Protein backbone atom coordinates (compact mmCIF):
# COMPACT_ATOMS: atom_id res chain seq x y z
CA MET A 1 88.54 -73.56 -0.92
CA LYS A 2 88.47 -72.69 -4.60
CA ARG A 3 91.17 -75.28 -5.27
CA PHE A 4 89.10 -77.93 -3.45
CA GLY A 5 86.01 -77.02 -5.50
CA LYS A 6 87.89 -77.37 -8.79
CA LYS A 7 89.35 -80.70 -7.67
CA LEU A 8 85.88 -81.99 -6.74
CA MET A 9 84.45 -80.86 -10.08
CA GLY A 10 87.24 -82.70 -11.93
CA ILE A 11 86.50 -85.92 -10.03
CA LEU A 12 82.78 -85.66 -10.84
CA LEU A 13 83.43 -85.11 -14.60
CA THR A 14 85.77 -88.10 -14.70
CA PHE A 15 83.15 -90.29 -13.03
CA VAL A 16 80.46 -89.23 -15.53
CA MET A 17 82.74 -90.03 -18.51
CA VAL A 18 83.61 -93.49 -17.17
CA LEU A 19 79.94 -94.22 -16.51
CA SER A 20 78.96 -93.21 -20.04
CA LEU A 21 81.64 -95.48 -21.51
CA MET A 22 80.41 -98.42 -19.43
CA VAL A 23 76.83 -97.89 -20.62
CA GLY A 24 77.96 -97.70 -24.26
CA CYS A 25 79.88 -101.04 -24.13
CA SER A 26 76.93 -102.92 -22.68
CA SER A 27 74.52 -101.82 -25.43
CA PRO A 28 72.76 -104.71 -27.23
CA GLN A 29 73.56 -102.94 -30.52
CA GLY A 30 77.30 -102.99 -29.73
CA THR A 31 80.03 -104.82 -31.72
CA ASP A 32 79.95 -107.93 -29.53
CA SER A 33 76.26 -108.52 -30.31
CA LYS A 34 76.82 -108.27 -34.08
CA THR A 35 79.78 -110.63 -33.94
CA GLU A 36 77.75 -113.18 -32.02
CA GLU A 37 74.91 -112.97 -34.55
CA LYS A 38 77.34 -113.46 -37.46
CA GLY A 39 78.81 -116.50 -35.69
CA LYS A 40 75.37 -118.06 -35.41
CA THR A 41 74.75 -117.51 -39.16
CA GLU A 42 78.01 -119.22 -40.10
CA GLU A 43 77.26 -122.07 -37.70
CA ASN A 44 73.90 -122.74 -39.42
CA LYS A 45 75.47 -122.91 -42.89
CA LYS A 46 75.81 -126.57 -43.85
CA VAL A 47 78.62 -127.87 -46.05
CA ILE A 48 77.83 -130.92 -48.19
CA GLY A 49 80.38 -133.00 -50.11
CA VAL A 50 79.16 -134.40 -53.45
CA SER A 51 80.94 -136.94 -55.67
CA LEU A 52 79.24 -137.37 -59.05
CA LEU A 53 79.82 -140.41 -61.26
CA ASN A 54 80.90 -138.55 -64.39
CA CYS A 55 80.44 -134.87 -65.19
CA THR A 56 80.94 -135.44 -68.93
CA HIS A 57 77.46 -136.99 -68.92
CA VAL A 58 74.61 -134.51 -69.58
CA PHE A 59 72.45 -136.23 -66.97
CA TYR A 60 74.96 -135.46 -64.21
CA ASN A 61 75.39 -131.90 -65.48
CA ASN A 62 71.66 -131.45 -64.96
CA ILE A 63 71.79 -133.05 -61.51
CA GLN A 64 74.58 -130.63 -60.57
CA LYS A 65 72.50 -127.64 -61.68
CA GLY A 66 69.58 -128.91 -59.62
CA LEU A 67 71.79 -129.37 -56.57
CA GLU A 68 73.27 -125.88 -56.88
CA THR A 69 69.86 -124.24 -57.21
CA LYS A 70 68.45 -126.09 -54.19
CA ALA A 71 71.59 -125.45 -52.09
CA GLU A 72 71.32 -121.72 -52.79
CA GLU A 73 67.72 -121.83 -51.61
CA LEU A 74 68.80 -123.58 -48.38
CA GLY A 75 71.81 -121.32 -47.86
CA TRP A 76 74.20 -124.29 -47.97
CA GLU A 77 77.64 -124.74 -49.47
CA LEU A 78 78.34 -127.63 -51.85
CA ILE A 79 81.75 -129.13 -52.60
CA ILE A 80 81.10 -130.93 -55.91
CA GLN A 81 83.69 -133.32 -57.33
CA ASP A 82 83.78 -135.37 -60.56
CA ALA A 83 84.76 -139.00 -59.93
CA ALA A 84 85.23 -139.48 -63.71
CA ALA A 85 83.98 -143.09 -63.36
CA ASP A 86 87.11 -143.91 -61.33
CA ALA A 87 86.49 -145.81 -58.07
CA ASN A 88 89.89 -144.89 -56.59
CA LYS A 89 89.36 -141.23 -57.39
CA GLN A 90 85.95 -141.31 -55.75
CA LEU A 91 87.36 -142.94 -52.63
CA SER A 92 89.97 -140.17 -52.41
CA GLN A 93 87.24 -137.54 -52.76
CA VAL A 94 85.23 -139.06 -49.92
CA GLN A 95 88.35 -139.16 -47.75
CA ASP A 96 88.89 -135.46 -48.49
CA PHE A 97 85.27 -134.70 -47.50
CA ILE A 98 85.87 -136.49 -44.21
CA THR A 99 89.07 -134.51 -43.58
CA GLN A 100 87.12 -131.30 -44.27
CA ASP A 101 84.52 -132.44 -41.73
CA VAL A 102 81.54 -131.80 -44.00
CA ASP A 103 78.03 -132.10 -42.58
CA ALA A 104 76.93 -134.81 -45.04
CA ILE A 105 78.19 -136.68 -48.11
CA ILE A 106 76.30 -137.48 -51.32
CA ILE A 107 77.77 -140.01 -53.75
CA CYS A 108 76.79 -141.42 -57.13
CA PRO A 109 78.96 -144.57 -56.85
CA THR A 110 81.18 -145.47 -59.79
CA ASN A 111 80.40 -149.09 -59.02
CA SER A 112 77.51 -150.36 -56.93
CA ALA A 113 79.56 -153.28 -55.61
CA GLY A 114 82.61 -152.20 -53.67
CA SER A 115 81.47 -148.71 -52.66
CA LYS A 116 80.71 -149.97 -49.16
CA SER A 117 84.18 -148.98 -47.89
CA MET A 118 83.47 -145.28 -48.58
CA VAL A 119 80.25 -145.42 -46.62
CA GLU A 120 81.95 -147.14 -43.69
CA LEU A 121 84.72 -144.51 -43.58
CA ALA A 122 82.15 -141.72 -43.38
CA ASP A 123 80.11 -143.62 -40.79
CA ALA A 124 83.21 -143.95 -38.62
CA ALA A 125 83.59 -140.16 -38.80
CA ASP A 126 79.90 -139.74 -37.89
CA ILE A 127 79.07 -138.15 -41.26
CA PRO A 128 75.76 -139.26 -42.86
CA VAL A 129 75.99 -140.62 -46.42
CA PHE A 130 73.31 -140.46 -49.12
CA THR A 131 73.41 -142.11 -52.55
CA MET A 132 71.91 -140.50 -55.61
CA ASP A 133 70.97 -142.22 -58.89
CA ILE A 134 73.20 -145.28 -58.22
CA GLU A 135 72.89 -147.59 -55.22
CA SER A 136 75.77 -148.64 -52.96
CA ASP A 137 76.33 -151.98 -51.29
CA GLY A 138 76.94 -149.98 -48.11
CA GLU A 139 74.30 -148.95 -45.56
CA VAL A 140 73.39 -145.33 -46.38
CA VAL A 141 70.86 -143.00 -44.79
CA SER A 142 68.78 -142.69 -47.94
CA HIS A 143 68.92 -143.56 -51.65
CA ILE A 144 67.28 -141.22 -54.16
CA ALA A 145 66.88 -142.28 -57.78
CA THR A 146 64.62 -142.88 -60.73
CA ASP A 147 62.40 -145.93 -60.38
CA ASN A 148 64.65 -147.78 -62.81
CA TYR A 149 62.86 -151.14 -62.76
CA LYS A 150 59.66 -149.34 -63.73
CA GLY A 151 61.60 -147.48 -66.42
CA GLY A 152 62.55 -150.80 -68.00
CA GLN A 153 58.93 -151.89 -67.86
CA ILE A 154 57.82 -148.65 -69.52
CA ALA A 155 60.30 -149.28 -72.37
CA ALA A 156 58.96 -152.80 -72.93
CA GLU A 157 55.34 -151.67 -72.70
CA TYR A 158 55.94 -148.92 -75.26
CA MET A 159 57.61 -151.38 -77.62
CA LEU A 160 54.66 -153.79 -77.47
CA GLU A 161 52.08 -151.05 -77.95
CA ASN A 162 53.85 -149.17 -80.74
CA ILE A 163 56.36 -151.44 -82.52
CA LEU A 164 55.90 -155.19 -81.96
CA THR A 165 52.14 -154.93 -81.71
CA ASP A 166 51.64 -158.61 -82.55
CA LYS A 167 53.90 -159.41 -79.57
CA LYS A 168 56.38 -161.32 -81.72
CA GLY A 169 59.93 -160.55 -82.80
CA ASP A 170 63.60 -160.47 -81.79
CA VAL A 171 65.04 -157.85 -79.44
CA ALA A 172 68.40 -157.17 -77.79
CA VAL A 173 69.58 -155.23 -74.75
CA ILE A 174 72.74 -153.17 -74.27
CA THR A 175 73.22 -153.11 -70.51
CA TYR A 176 75.67 -151.64 -67.97
CA SER A 177 76.47 -154.48 -65.59
CA GLU A 178 78.62 -152.48 -63.15
CA ILE A 179 75.75 -150.15 -62.23
CA GLU A 180 72.81 -151.49 -60.22
CA ALA A 181 70.39 -148.90 -61.61
CA CYS A 182 71.10 -150.09 -65.16
CA ILE A 183 70.70 -153.73 -64.17
CA GLN A 184 67.26 -152.80 -62.81
CA ARG A 185 66.37 -151.21 -66.17
CA GLU A 186 67.43 -154.38 -67.97
CA GLU A 187 65.46 -156.59 -65.58
CA GLY A 188 62.35 -154.41 -65.76
CA PHE A 189 62.44 -154.72 -69.55
CA THR A 190 63.06 -158.47 -69.77
CA ASP A 191 60.70 -159.37 -66.91
CA TYR A 192 57.87 -157.39 -68.52
CA LEU A 193 58.38 -159.22 -71.83
CA ALA A 194 58.51 -162.62 -70.15
CA GLU A 195 55.20 -161.93 -68.44
CA ASN A 196 53.34 -160.11 -71.22
CA ALA A 197 54.89 -161.23 -74.51
CA PRO A 198 56.59 -164.64 -74.21
CA GLU A 199 56.92 -164.89 -78.01
CA VAL A 200 59.21 -161.89 -78.13
CA ASN A 201 62.73 -163.32 -78.04
CA VAL A 202 65.50 -161.51 -76.18
CA VAL A 203 68.26 -162.81 -78.45
CA ASP A 204 71.22 -161.00 -76.89
CA ILE A 205 72.24 -158.99 -73.82
CA GLN A 206 75.70 -157.40 -73.77
CA ASN A 207 77.50 -154.98 -71.47
CA TYR A 208 78.89 -151.64 -72.66
CA SER A 209 80.37 -150.54 -69.29
CA GLY A 210 79.31 -146.94 -69.82
CA ASP A 211 81.58 -146.52 -72.87
CA GLN A 212 79.88 -145.12 -75.99
CA GLN A 213 82.46 -146.59 -78.39
CA LYS A 214 82.11 -149.97 -76.72
CA ALA A 215 78.34 -149.72 -77.24
CA ALA A 216 78.98 -149.25 -80.96
CA ASP A 217 81.21 -152.34 -80.97
CA VAL A 218 78.61 -154.33 -79.01
CA MET A 219 75.86 -153.36 -81.46
CA GLN A 220 78.04 -154.26 -84.44
CA ASN A 221 78.71 -157.65 -82.88
CA MET A 222 75.01 -158.22 -82.24
CA LEU A 223 74.11 -157.40 -85.85
CA LEU A 224 76.74 -159.86 -87.09
CA LYS A 225 75.50 -162.63 -84.77
CA HIS A 226 71.79 -162.21 -85.45
CA GLU A 227 70.24 -161.87 -88.89
CA ASN A 228 67.36 -159.75 -87.66
CA ILE A 229 67.02 -157.61 -84.54
CA ASP A 230 63.76 -155.67 -84.53
CA VAL A 231 64.48 -153.48 -81.49
CA VAL A 232 67.43 -152.78 -79.21
CA PHE A 233 66.86 -151.40 -75.71
CA ALA A 234 69.83 -149.32 -74.55
CA VAL A 235 69.92 -148.72 -70.78
CA GLY A 236 71.56 -145.30 -71.24
CA ASP A 237 71.63 -142.66 -73.98
CA PRO A 238 75.41 -143.06 -74.56
CA ALA A 239 74.70 -146.73 -75.37
CA ALA A 240 71.91 -145.68 -77.72
CA ILE A 241 74.21 -143.22 -79.53
CA GLY A 242 76.81 -145.96 -79.99
CA ALA A 243 74.16 -148.39 -81.21
CA GLN A 244 72.82 -145.82 -83.67
CA SER A 245 76.20 -145.40 -85.35
CA SER A 246 76.57 -149.16 -85.93
CA ILE A 247 72.99 -149.59 -87.14
CA ASP A 248 73.50 -146.75 -89.63
CA ALA A 249 76.83 -148.19 -90.80
CA ALA A 250 75.26 -151.61 -91.35
CA GLY A 251 72.22 -150.16 -93.11
CA LYS A 252 69.88 -152.03 -90.75
CA GLU A 253 66.34 -151.09 -89.74
CA THR A 254 66.72 -152.04 -86.06
CA LEU A 255 64.82 -149.53 -83.92
CA ILE A 256 66.22 -148.05 -80.70
CA ILE A 257 64.63 -147.29 -77.34
CA GLY A 258 67.05 -145.38 -75.14
CA TYR A 259 67.09 -144.33 -71.51
CA ASP A 260 67.89 -140.94 -69.92
CA GLY A 261 65.99 -138.28 -71.87
CA ASN A 262 69.15 -136.33 -72.76
CA PRO A 263 69.00 -133.60 -75.45
CA GLU A 264 70.87 -135.68 -78.04
CA GLY A 265 68.31 -138.47 -77.67
CA ILE A 266 65.39 -136.08 -77.99
CA GLU A 267 66.91 -134.52 -81.12
CA ALA A 268 67.42 -137.98 -82.66
CA ILE A 269 63.79 -138.89 -81.96
CA LYS A 270 62.58 -135.62 -83.51
CA ALA A 271 64.70 -136.32 -86.60
CA GLY A 272 62.61 -139.40 -87.26
CA GLY A 273 65.31 -142.06 -87.66
CA ASN A 274 65.83 -145.43 -85.97
CA TRP A 275 65.83 -143.93 -82.48
CA VAL A 276 62.10 -143.88 -81.78
CA ALA A 277 61.70 -143.46 -78.01
CA ASP A 278 63.52 -142.73 -74.77
CA VAL A 279 62.68 -143.37 -71.13
CA ALA A 280 63.27 -139.98 -69.50
CA GLN A 281 64.53 -139.28 -66.01
CA ASP A 282 64.05 -136.08 -63.98
CA PRO A 283 67.53 -135.05 -62.75
CA THR A 284 66.23 -131.84 -61.16
CA ALA A 285 63.75 -133.75 -59.01
CA ILE A 286 66.47 -136.25 -58.01
CA ALA A 287 68.73 -133.37 -56.91
CA GLU A 288 66.00 -131.57 -54.98
CA LYS A 289 64.72 -134.69 -53.20
CA THR A 290 68.29 -135.63 -52.24
CA LEU A 291 69.00 -132.30 -50.52
CA GLU A 292 65.57 -132.40 -48.88
CA ALA A 293 66.45 -135.83 -47.44
CA VAL A 294 69.81 -134.46 -46.21
CA LYS A 295 68.01 -131.55 -44.54
CA THR A 296 65.57 -133.90 -42.81
CA LYS A 297 68.51 -135.88 -41.40
CA LEU A 298 70.50 -132.83 -40.30
CA ASP A 299 67.38 -131.39 -38.65
CA GLY A 300 67.11 -134.54 -36.52
CA GLY A 301 64.48 -136.36 -38.56
CA THR A 302 64.48 -139.69 -40.40
CA PRO A 303 64.16 -139.47 -44.20
CA GLU A 304 62.69 -142.32 -46.23
CA LYS A 305 65.17 -145.12 -46.86
CA GLU A 306 64.41 -145.12 -50.59
CA ILE A 307 62.93 -142.25 -52.59
CA LYS A 308 61.90 -143.10 -56.14
CA ILE A 309 61.30 -140.58 -58.92
CA GLU A 310 58.85 -141.58 -61.68
CA PRO A 311 60.28 -141.92 -65.23
CA TYR A 312 58.25 -141.24 -68.38
CA ILE A 313 58.41 -141.99 -72.11
CA ILE A 314 59.47 -139.54 -74.81
CA ASP A 315 58.66 -140.23 -78.47
CA LYS A 316 57.91 -138.13 -81.55
CA GLU A 317 54.52 -137.16 -80.09
CA ASN A 318 55.93 -135.24 -77.11
CA ALA A 319 59.62 -134.64 -77.95
CA GLU A 320 60.45 -130.96 -77.49
C-alpha cells in the first residue's frame, strides 16, 4: 500500500512539472514572440540603391549627406554608389541594385539621353526608379530637382539689374549639353534675355561637358574670338572656376555668374573679383524631398511626377 502511494505521488509530481513547462513555452513573453517581433522590424527596414553622378563634386557630397540624414530618420538603409560620370559604370550599379532586390532605386543620370535602359531594367524587376537633380529619358516614378529653367532666368535677371543695367552688351554661356538640367539653365538665361533685353547679344555658347579644364579652354577660346565679353554665365561652378582661370590669365574684366552655390564659388564672390554672383541650389532639400517621394510610393501612394526646388541668388550682399 505504501509502495502504491509513493508511485502515485511520483506520477502526480511528474504531471505538475510537465504542465508547468507547457505553460512556460506558451507565454507571450517567450523567445518565439521576441523573434517574431524582430522579424517584423527587419521586414519594415527599406533598402534603397543610389547612384550619384560624381562624388568628386561638392554638390553631390552635400546631397549624399542629406540622404544619409533623412535615411537615418526613416530607419532605412542606403547603398550609395559613385558613377564617376561613367554611363557604363552607372548601368552596372543599377544592375547590382536589381540583383540585390532593393526596394527602390535613385539615380542622377550621367547622361539624360540614353539612361532609359536602366529605368526599363528596374521596371522589369518591379523596382520603382526616381531621378534626382538630372532627368532621364526613361519613365520614372518621380523627378526631384532644382527648378533649373528658373535658375537661368534668375541669373539673367540679376545681370540686367546689377551689371548691364542699360540692357546692352555682349555675353557668353558655358553650357553642359549632355545634362538636361544644364540645358534648362542655359535656355532660361537666353530666353529671359530675348524677351527682356533684346539688345544684349549672346555672342557665344560652348559646351564644357562637366570638365573644369575644358571650361578653361572654352573660355580662352571665347576671349580670343570676341574682343569684348561683358559677362559669362557658367551653368555649373566647375565651369565658372575654369572660366575664372582663363579670364585672369588674359587680364580681362569679363564678369562671371556661376551656378550651384558651392563653397569655392561663395569664397570667390566674397573675395570681390570677377566672379560676382552664383545661382544657388539646395542639395539638402533635394535629398529630403527625394526620400519623401520614395516613402510615399512604398507606402502605396502616388508622389508628384515632378518636384521642383526653388533656387536663389548669392552675391556679395548675402555671401556667407
